């Protein structure tokens, strides 16, 4: 039987590779709702402030931290990923939400999963435009930052404070994102 090698992981038969292949969905508020919020000015509440000189797109996301933590703002610089790409692990933050907003207006990917008895289920992958950010809800399984074509900067809002705020899970068999699945599709 024919075998394929994916990103340095063990050889897989084509039928197994097909079962592990992840579709890439366009990022919409509705599709992402189980995992958090999409930060996008389309459809957001607009308030004119500062004597009418500034447009405020109000409450795109809410920062959720426990009482012992504090909200911090950081800059993350993501390196572009090569495809095919294997989703071998997921992480979550039990003490607070985590928001990412791209600064370079470049498309990027995000992978999230529902919780299945304390472990991440099969991931879902979304393609975000360069003007869409997300806020992962507290305790939502997600993959670390996935920049696409170039080095990309992101404004990140998350929690700092006491307690363990990172849990990682490594799948026994990685899921795969193929380059052919990265093409842009219209939003549903």
C-alpha atoms as a PDB file:
ATOM      1  CA  UNK A   1       0.000   0.000   0.000  1.00  0.00           C
ATOM      2  CA  UNK A   2       1.067   3.547  -0.674  1.00  0.00           C
ATOM      3  CA  UNK A   3       2.194   5.689   2.246  1.00  0.00           C
ATOM      4  CA  UNK A   4       2.562   9.417   2.794  1.00  0.00           C
ATOM      5  CA  UNK A   5       4.823  11.315   5.163  1.00  0.00           C
ATOM      6  CA  UNK A   6       3.304  14.374   6.788  1.00  0.00           C
ATOM      7  CA  UNK A   7       5.541  16.981   8.427  1.00  0.00           C
ATOM      8  CA  UNK A   8       8.044  14.455   9.727  1.00  0.00           C
ATOM      9  CA  UNK A   9       5.460  12.237  11.444  1.00  0.00           C
ATOM     10  CA  UNK A  10       5.112   8.539  10.760  1.00  0.00           C
ATOM     11  CA  UNK A  11       3.993   7.294   7.367  1.00  0.00           C
ATOM     12  CA  UNK A  12       0.237   7.044   6.940  1.00  0.00           C
ATOM     13  CA  UNK A  13      -1.915   5.164   4.471  1.00  0.00           C
ATOM     14  CA  UNK A  14      -3.970   7.479   2.245  1.00  0.00           C
ATOM     15  CA  UNK A  15      -7.263   6.455   3.874  1.00  0.00           C
ATOM     16  CA  UNK A  16      -5.890   7.215   7.360  1.00  0.00           C
ATOM     17  CA  UNK A  17      -4.443  10.519   6.169  1.00  0.00           C
ATOM     18  CA  UNK A  18      -7.886  11.430   4.776  1.00  0.00           C
ATOM     19  CA  UNK A  19      -9.472  10.719   8.175  1.00  0.00           C
ATOM     20  CA  UNK A  20      -6.983  13.022   9.901  1.00  0.00           C
ATOM     21  CA  UNK A  21      -7.225  15.846   7.322  1.00  0.00           C
ATOM     22  CA  UNK A  22      -8.859  18.999   8.663  1.00  0.00           C
ATOM     23  CA  UNK A  23     -11.052  21.267   6.547  1.00  0.00           C
ATOM     24  CA  UNK A  24     -10.335  25.004   6.706  1.00  0.00           C
ATOM     25  CA  UNK A  25     -13.498  27.052   7.321  1.00  0.00           C
ATOM     26  CA  UNK A  26     -13.948  30.798   6.919  1.00  0.00           C
ATOM     27  CA  UNK A  27     -14.117  32.541  10.297  1.00  0.00           C
ATOM     28  CA  UNK A  28     -17.634  33.738  11.164  1.00  0.00           C
ATOM     29  CA  UNK A  29     -19.194  34.799  14.457  1.00  0.00           C
ATOM     30  CA  UNK A  30     -21.735  31.991  14.247  1.00  0.00           C
ATOM     31  CA  UNK A  31     -19.264  29.184  13.524  1.00  0.00           C
ATOM     32  CA  UNK A  32     -16.810  30.348  16.196  1.00  0.00           C
ATOM     33  CA  UNK A  33     -19.420  31.076  18.924  1.00  0.00           C
ATOM     34  CA  UNK A  34     -18.843  27.819  20.893  1.00  0.00           C
ATOM     35  CA  UNK A  35     -15.179  28.814  21.367  1.00  0.00           C
ATOM     36  CA  UNK A  36     -15.319  32.551  22.066  1.00  0.00           C
ATOM     37  CA  UNK A  37     -15.788  35.799  20.154  1.00  0.00           C
ATOM     38  CA  UNK A  38     -14.755  37.019  16.713  1.00  0.00           C
ATOM     39  CA  UNK A  39     -13.351  40.540  16.799  1.00  0.00           C
ATOM     40  CA  UNK A  40     -14.466  42.126  13.535  1.00  0.00           C
ATOM     41  CA  UNK A  41     -15.804  45.635  12.982  1.00  0.00           C
ATOM     42  CA  UNK A  42     -18.377  44.350  10.477  1.00  0.00           C
ATOM     43  CA  UNK A  43     -21.619  44.245  12.432  1.00  0.00           C
ATOM     44  CA  UNK A  44     -20.064  45.732  15.584  1.00  0.00           C
ATOM     45  CA  UNK A  45     -21.700  48.533  17.582  1.00  0.00           C
ATOM     46  CA  UNK A  46     -20.290  51.831  16.345  1.00  0.00           C
ATOM     47  CA  UNK A  47     -20.043  54.814  18.692  1.00  0.00           C
ATOM     48  CA  UNK A  48     -18.695  58.183  17.644  1.00  0.00           C
ATOM     49  CA  UNK A  49     -16.478  59.621  20.394  1.00  0.00           C
ATOM     50  CA  UNK A  50     -13.975  62.429  20.955  1.00  0.00           C
ATOM     51  CA  UNK A  51     -16.201  65.116  19.459  1.00  0.00           C
ATOM     52  CA  UNK A  52     -17.034  62.962  16.455  1.00  0.00           C
ATOM     53  CA  UNK A  53     -13.408  62.482  15.377  1.00  0.00           C
ATOM     54  CA  UNK A  54     -13.054  58.839  16.416  1.00  0.00           C
ATOM     55  CA  UNK A  55     -15.043  55.735  15.555  1.00  0.00           C
ATOM     56  CA  UNK A  56     -15.239  53.322  18.474  1.00  0.00           C
ATOM     57  CA  UNK A  57     -16.220  49.760  17.604  1.00  0.00           C
ATOM     58  CA  UNK A  58     -17.525  48.880  21.020  1.00  0.00           C
ATOM     59  CA  UNK A  59     -16.972  45.699  23.013  1.00  0.00           C
ATOM     60  CA  UNK A  60     -15.534  43.429  20.323  1.00  0.00           C
ATOM     61  CA  UNK A  61     -14.601  40.946  23.066  1.00  0.00           C
ATOM     62  CA  UNK A  62     -14.547  40.682  26.842  1.00  0.00           C
ATOM     63  CA  UNK A  63     -11.430  39.820  28.840  1.00  0.00           C
ATOM     64  CA  UNK A  64     -12.170  37.114  31.405  1.00  0.00           C
ATOM     65  CA  UNK A  65      -9.692  36.691  34.272  1.00  0.00           C
ATOM     66  CA  UNK A  66     -10.124  35.202  37.715  1.00  0.00           C
ATOM     67  CA  UNK A  67     -10.061  37.448  40.773  1.00  0.00           C
ATOM     68  CA  UNK A  68      -6.366  36.832  41.458  1.00  0.00           C
ATOM     69  CA  UNK A  69      -5.193  37.603  37.923  1.00  0.00           C
ATOM     70  CA  UNK A  70      -4.851  40.799  35.956  1.00  0.00           C
ATOM     71  CA  UNK A  71      -5.320  41.601  32.290  1.00  0.00           C
ATOM     72  CA  UNK A  72      -2.149  42.247  30.308  1.00  0.00           C
ATOM     73  CA  UNK A  73      -1.473  43.307  26.714  1.00  0.00           C
ATOM     74  CA  UNK A  74       1.443  41.764  24.805  1.00  0.00           C
ATOM     75  CA  UNK A  75       2.804  41.604  21.273  1.00  0.00           C
ATOM     76  CA  UNK A  76       3.308  38.126  19.770  1.00  0.00           C
ATOM     77  CA  UNK A  77       5.391  37.713  16.610  1.00  0.00           C
ATOM     78  CA  UNK A  78       4.313  34.550  14.778  1.00  0.00           C
ATOM     79  CA  UNK A  79       6.539  32.756  12.303  1.00  0.00           C
ATOM     80  CA  UNK A  80       4.872  31.495   9.115  1.00  0.00           C
ATOM     81  CA  UNK A  81       4.047  27.787   9.077  1.00  0.00           C
ATOM     82  CA  UNK A  82       4.912  25.352   6.277  1.00  0.00           C
ATOM     83  CA  UNK A  83       2.171  23.171   4.802  1.00  0.00           C
ATOM     84  CA  UNK A  84       1.136  20.468   5.057  1.00  0.00           C
ATOM     85  CA  UNK A  85       1.050  21.231   8.780  1.00  0.00           C
ATOM     86  CA  UNK A  86       0.323  18.795  11.592  1.00  0.00           C
ATOM     87  CA  UNK A  87      -1.876  19.703  14.534  1.00  0.00           C
ATOM     88  CA  UNK A  88      -0.210  17.493  17.131  1.00  0.00           C
ATOM     89  CA  UNK A  89      -1.148  19.417  20.264  1.00  0.00           C
ATOM     90  CA  UNK A  90      -3.665  21.813  21.740  1.00  0.00           C
ATOM     91  CA  UNK A  91      -3.558  24.074  24.764  1.00  0.00           C
ATOM     92  CA  UNK A  92      -6.038  25.877  27.003  1.00  0.00           C
ATOM     93  CA  UNK A  93      -5.985  28.515  29.714  1.00  0.00           C
ATOM     94  CA  UNK A  94      -8.218  27.631  32.691  1.00  0.00           C
ATOM     95  CA  UNK A  95      -7.714  30.942  34.529  1.00  0.00           C
ATOM     96  CA  UNK A  96      -8.645  33.393  31.774  1.00  0.00           C
ATOM     97  CA  UNK A  97      -9.546  34.193  28.196  1.00  0.00           C
ATOM     98  CA  UNK A  98      -6.951  34.976  25.538  1.00  0.00           C
ATOM     99  CA  UNK A  99      -7.485  37.374  22.613  1.00  0.00           C
ATOM    100  CA  UNK A 100      -5.450  37.726  19.396  1.00  0.00           C
ATOM    101  CA  UNK A 101      -5.726  40.586  16.905  1.00  0.00           C
ATOM    102  CA  UNK A 102      -3.482  40.750  13.796  1.00  0.00           C
ATOM    103  CA  UNK A 103      -1.540  43.986  13.323  1.00  0.00           C
ATOM    104  CA  UNK A 104      -0.159  43.318   9.826  1.00  0.00           C
ATOM    105  CA  UNK A 105      -3.524  42.740   8.069  1.00  0.00           C
ATOM    106  CA  UNK A 106      -2.448  39.275   6.926  1.00  0.00           C
ATOM    107  CA  UNK A 107      -4.715  36.236   6.907  1.00  0.00           C
ATOM    108  CA  UNK A 108      -4.006  33.642   9.587  1.00  0.00           C
ATOM    109  CA  UNK A 109      -5.332  30.317  10.838  1.00  0.00           C
ATOM    110  CA  UNK A 110      -6.710  29.193  14.151  1.00  0.00           C
ATOM    111  CA  UNK A 111      -7.525  25.696  15.345  1.00  0.00           C
ATOM    112  CA  UNK A 112      -9.962  25.066  18.201  1.00  0.00           C
ATOM    113  CA  UNK A 113     -11.624  22.017  19.724  1.00  0.00           C
ATOM    114  CA  UNK A 114     -14.498  21.274  22.040  1.00  0.00           C
ATOM    115  CA  UNK A 115     -13.693  19.604  25.344  1.00  0.00           C
ATOM    116  CA  UNK A 116     -14.217  15.841  25.455  1.00  0.00           C
ATOM    117  CA  UNK A 117     -13.927  14.682  29.077  1.00  0.00           C
ATOM    118  CA  UNK A 118     -10.897  16.858  29.794  1.00  0.00           C
ATOM    119  CA  UNK A 119      -9.250  16.371  26.392  1.00  0.00           C
ATOM    120  CA  UNK A 120      -9.645  18.245  23.117  1.00  0.00           C
ATOM    121  CA  UNK A 121     -11.946  16.636  20.545  1.00  0.00           C
ATOM    122  CA  UNK A 122     -11.232  16.722  16.803  1.00  0.00           C
ATOM    123  CA  UNK A 123     -10.004  20.235  15.921  1.00  0.00           C
ATOM    124  CA  UNK A 124     -11.828  22.721  13.725  1.00  0.00           C
ATOM    125  CA  UNK A 125      -9.677  25.067  11.649  1.00  0.00           C
ATOM    126  CA  UNK A 126     -10.702  28.597  10.665  1.00  0.00           C
ATOM    127  CA  UNK A 127      -9.091  31.040   8.255  1.00  0.00           C
ATOM    128  CA  UNK A 128      -9.279  34.562   9.647  1.00  0.00           C
ATOM    129  CA  UNK A 129      -8.839  37.620   7.479  1.00  0.00           C
ATOM    130  CA  UNK A 130      -6.122  40.090   8.393  1.00  0.00           C
ATOM    131  CA  UNK A 131      -8.746  42.326  10.019  1.00  0.00           C
ATOM    132  CA  UNK A 132     -10.363  39.653  12.202  1.00  0.00           C
ATOM    133  CA  UNK A 133      -9.248  38.786  15.694  1.00  0.00           C
ATOM    134  CA  UNK A 134     -10.581  36.256  18.169  1.00  0.00           C
ATOM    135  CA  UNK A 135     -10.978  35.944  21.885  1.00  0.00           C
ATOM    136  CA  UNK A 136     -10.756  32.339  23.054  1.00  0.00           C
ATOM    137  CA  UNK A 137     -13.054  31.788  25.992  1.00  0.00           C
ATOM    138  CA  UNK A 138     -11.614  30.612  29.285  1.00  0.00           C
ATOM    139  CA  UNK A 139     -10.675  26.914  29.142  1.00  0.00           C
ATOM    140  CA  UNK A 140     -11.157  26.606  25.339  1.00  0.00           C
ATOM    141  CA  UNK A 141      -8.782  24.192  23.609  1.00  0.00           C
ATOM    142  CA  UNK A 142      -6.812  25.901  20.823  1.00  0.00           C
ATOM    143  CA  UNK A 143      -3.563  25.545  18.915  1.00  0.00           C
ATOM    144  CA  UNK A 144      -0.785  28.102  19.399  1.00  0.00           C
ATOM    145  CA  UNK A 145      -0.568  30.957  16.891  1.00  0.00           C
ATOM    146  CA  UNK A 146      -0.657  29.943  13.193  1.00  0.00           C
ATOM    147  CA  UNK A 147       0.753  32.677  10.933  1.00  0.00           C
ATOM    148  CA  UNK A 148       0.443  31.914   7.224  1.00  0.00           C
ATOM    149  CA  UNK A 149       2.634  33.619   4.634  1.00  0.00           C
ATOM    150  CA  UNK A 150       4.901  36.028   6.499  1.00  0.00           C
ATOM    151  CA  UNK A 151       6.133  36.855   9.976  1.00  0.00           C
ATOM    152  CA  UNK A 152       3.042  38.377  11.595  1.00  0.00           C
ATOM    153  CA  UNK A 153       2.541  40.527  14.683  1.00  0.00           C
ATOM    154  CA  UNK A 154      -0.497  40.125  16.944  1.00  0.00           C
ATOM    155  CA  UNK A 155      -1.776  42.194  19.822  1.00  0.00           C
ATOM    156  CA  UNK A 156      -2.603  39.691  22.578  1.00  0.00           C
ATOM    157  CA  UNK A 157      -4.757  40.319  25.633  1.00  0.00           C
ATOM    158  CA  UNK A 158      -4.607  37.638  28.308  1.00  0.00           C
ATOM    159  CA  UNK A 159      -4.168  36.890  31.974  1.00  0.00           C
ATOM    160  CA  UNK A 160      -1.114  37.176  34.204  1.00  0.00           C
ATOM    161  CA  UNK A 161      -1.089  36.071  37.808  1.00  0.00           C
ATOM    162  CA  UNK A 162      -0.747  33.174  40.217  1.00  0.00           C
ATOM    163  CA  UNK A 163      -1.953  29.675  39.423  1.00  0.00           C
ATOM    164  CA  UNK A 164      -1.476  27.310  36.534  1.00  0.00           C
ATOM    165  CA  UNK A 165      -2.950  28.938  33.429  1.00  0.00           C
ATOM    166  CA  UNK A 166      -1.657  26.584  30.752  1.00  0.00           C
ATOM    167  CA  UNK A 167      -2.693  23.017  30.061  1.00  0.00           C
ATOM    168  CA  UNK A 168      -1.357  21.142  27.019  1.00  0.00           C
ATOM    169  CA  UNK A 169      -2.591  17.984  25.335  1.00  0.00           C
ATOM    170  CA  UNK A 170      -0.696  15.977  22.707  1.00  0.00           C
ATOM    171  CA  UNK A 171      -2.746  13.858  20.314  1.00  0.00           C
ATOM    172  CA  UNK A 172      -1.616  10.258  19.829  1.00  0.00           C
ATOM    173  CA  UNK A 173      -1.952  10.834  16.072  1.00  0.00           C
ATOM    174  CA  UNK A 174      -1.673  14.336  14.575  1.00  0.00           C
ATOM    175  CA  UNK A 175      -4.324  15.959  12.403  1.00  0.00           C
ATOM    176  CA  UNK A 176      -3.255  17.538   9.107  1.00  0.00           C
ATOM    177  CA  UNK A 177      -3.897  20.834   7.346  1.00  0.00           C
ATOM    178  CA  UNK A 178      -3.048  20.517   3.641  1.00  0.00           C
ATOM    179  CA  UNK A 179      -1.845  23.479   1.555  1.00  0.00           C
ATOM    180  CA  UNK A 180      -4.679  22.861  -0.933  1.00  0.00           C
ATOM    181  CA  UNK A 181      -7.218  23.550   1.834  1.00  0.00           C
ATOM    182  CA  UNK A 182      -5.842  27.042   2.518  1.00  0.00           C
ATOM    183  CA  UNK A 183      -7.435  28.731  -0.485  1.00  0.00           C
ATOM    184  CA  UNK A 184      -9.802  31.512   0.434  1.00  0.00           C
ATOM    185  CA  UNK A 185     -13.496  30.720   0.353  1.00  0.00           C
ATOM    186  CA  UNK A 186     -16.408  33.079   0.642  1.00  0.00           C
ATOM    187  CA  UNK A 187     -18.086  33.296   4.014  1.00  0.00           C
ATOM    188  CA  UNK A 188     -21.235  31.163   4.178  1.00  0.00           C
END
